[in-house]
Amino acid sequence: MWYFAWLLGLPLAAAFAVLNAMWYELMDDEAKKLAASAPATDRRRPSR
């Protein structure tokens, strides 16, 4: 009966991985939009 755990667990883990990747892509796109809409600053110096 161990195969039921694999049968249910592997697709669930794969779905979680795909959703996690989609979430990070969405957050990256939002960060890029915010950075593009922010006023231009001197980007040579890191902010402290």
C-alpha atoms as a PDB file:
ATOM      1  CA  MET A   1       0.000   0.000   0.000  1.00  0.00           C
ATOM      2  CA  TRP A   2       3.017   2.290   0.064  1.00  0.00           C
ATOM      3  CA  TYR A   3       2.398   3.067  -3.590  1.00  0.00           C
ATOM      4  CA  PHE A   4      -0.745   5.020  -2.687  1.00  0.00           C
ATOM      5  CA  ALA A   5       1.432   7.492  -0.821  1.00  0.00           C
ATOM      6  CA  TRP A   6       3.661   7.816  -3.885  1.00  0.00           C
ATOM      7  CA  LEU A   7       0.656   7.997  -6.200  1.00  0.00           C
ATOM      8  CA  LEU A   8      -0.785  10.895  -4.223  1.00  0.00           C
ATOM      9  CA  GLY A   9       2.444  12.473  -2.995  1.00  0.00           C
ATOM     10  CA  LEU A  10       4.394  12.891  -6.211  1.00  0.00           C
ATOM     11  CA  PRO A  11       1.708  14.804  -8.139  1.00  0.00           C
ATOM     12  CA  LEU A  12       1.050  16.927  -5.061  1.00  0.00           C
ATOM     13  CA  ALA A  13       4.744  17.753  -4.712  1.00  0.00           C
ATOM     14  CA  ALA A  14       4.997  18.547  -8.429  1.00  0.00           C
ATOM     15  CA  ALA A  15       1.932  20.794  -8.258  1.00  0.00           C
ATOM     16  CA  PHE A  16       3.394  22.586  -5.241  1.00  0.00           C
ATOM     17  CA  ALA A  17       6.677  23.122  -7.097  1.00  0.00           C
ATOM     18  CA  VAL A  18       4.890  24.561 -10.136  1.00  0.00           C
ATOM     19  CA  LEU A  19       2.731  26.868  -8.020  1.00  0.00           C
ATOM     20  CA  ASN A  20       5.782  27.986  -6.070  1.00  0.00           C
ATOM     21  CA  ALA A  21       7.637  28.834  -9.300  1.00  0.00           C
ATOM     22  CA  MET A  22       4.606  30.745 -10.593  1.00  0.00           C
ATOM     23  CA  TRP A  23       4.412  32.701  -7.316  1.00  0.00           C
ATOM     24  CA  TYR A  24       8.086  33.690  -7.493  1.00  0.00           C
ATOM     25  CA  GLU A  25       7.708  34.753 -11.133  1.00  0.00           C
ATOM     26  CA  LEU A  26       4.706  36.893 -10.189  1.00  0.00           C
ATOM     27  CA  MET A  27       6.601  38.516  -7.317  1.00  0.00           C
ATOM     28  CA  ASP A  28       9.599  39.160  -9.581  1.00  0.00           C
ATOM     29  CA  ASP A  29       7.371  40.819 -12.188  1.00  0.00           C
ATOM     30  CA  GLU A  30       5.787  43.032  -9.518  1.00  0.00           C
ATOM     31  CA  ALA A  31       9.218  44.038  -8.204  1.00  0.00           C
ATOM     32  CA  LYS A  32      10.376  44.922 -11.722  1.00  0.00           C
ATOM     33  CA  LYS A  33       7.248  47.012 -12.322  1.00  0.00           C
ATOM     34  CA  LEU A  34       7.776  48.888  -9.059  1.00  0.00           C
ATOM     35  CA  ALA A  35      11.443  49.458  -9.845  1.00  0.00           C
ATOM     36  CA  ALA A  36      10.605  50.733 -13.326  1.00  0.00           C
ATOM     37  CA  SER A  37       7.973  53.139 -12.034  1.00  0.00           C
ATOM     38  CA  ALA A  38      10.198  54.472  -9.231  1.00  0.00           C
ATOM     39  CA  PRO A  39      11.979  57.758  -9.865  1.00  0.00           C
ATOM     40  CA  ALA A  40      15.464  57.423 -11.280  1.00  0.00           C
ATOM     41  CA  THR A  41      18.167  57.483  -8.622  1.00  0.00           C
ATOM     42  CA  ASP A  42      21.910  57.088  -8.590  1.00  0.00           C
ATOM     43  CA  ARG A  43      22.177  53.312  -8.940  1.00  0.00           C
ATOM     44  CA  ARG A  44      25.955  53.203  -8.633  1.00  0.00           C
ATOM     45  CA  ARG A  45      25.795  53.489  -4.854  1.00  0.00           C
ATOM     46  CA  PRO A  46      23.976  50.871  -2.800  1.00  0.00           C
ATOM     47  CA  SER A  47      21.409  52.286  -0.421  1.00  0.00           C
ATOM     48  CA  ARG A  48      22.297  51.926   3.245  1.00  0.00           C
END
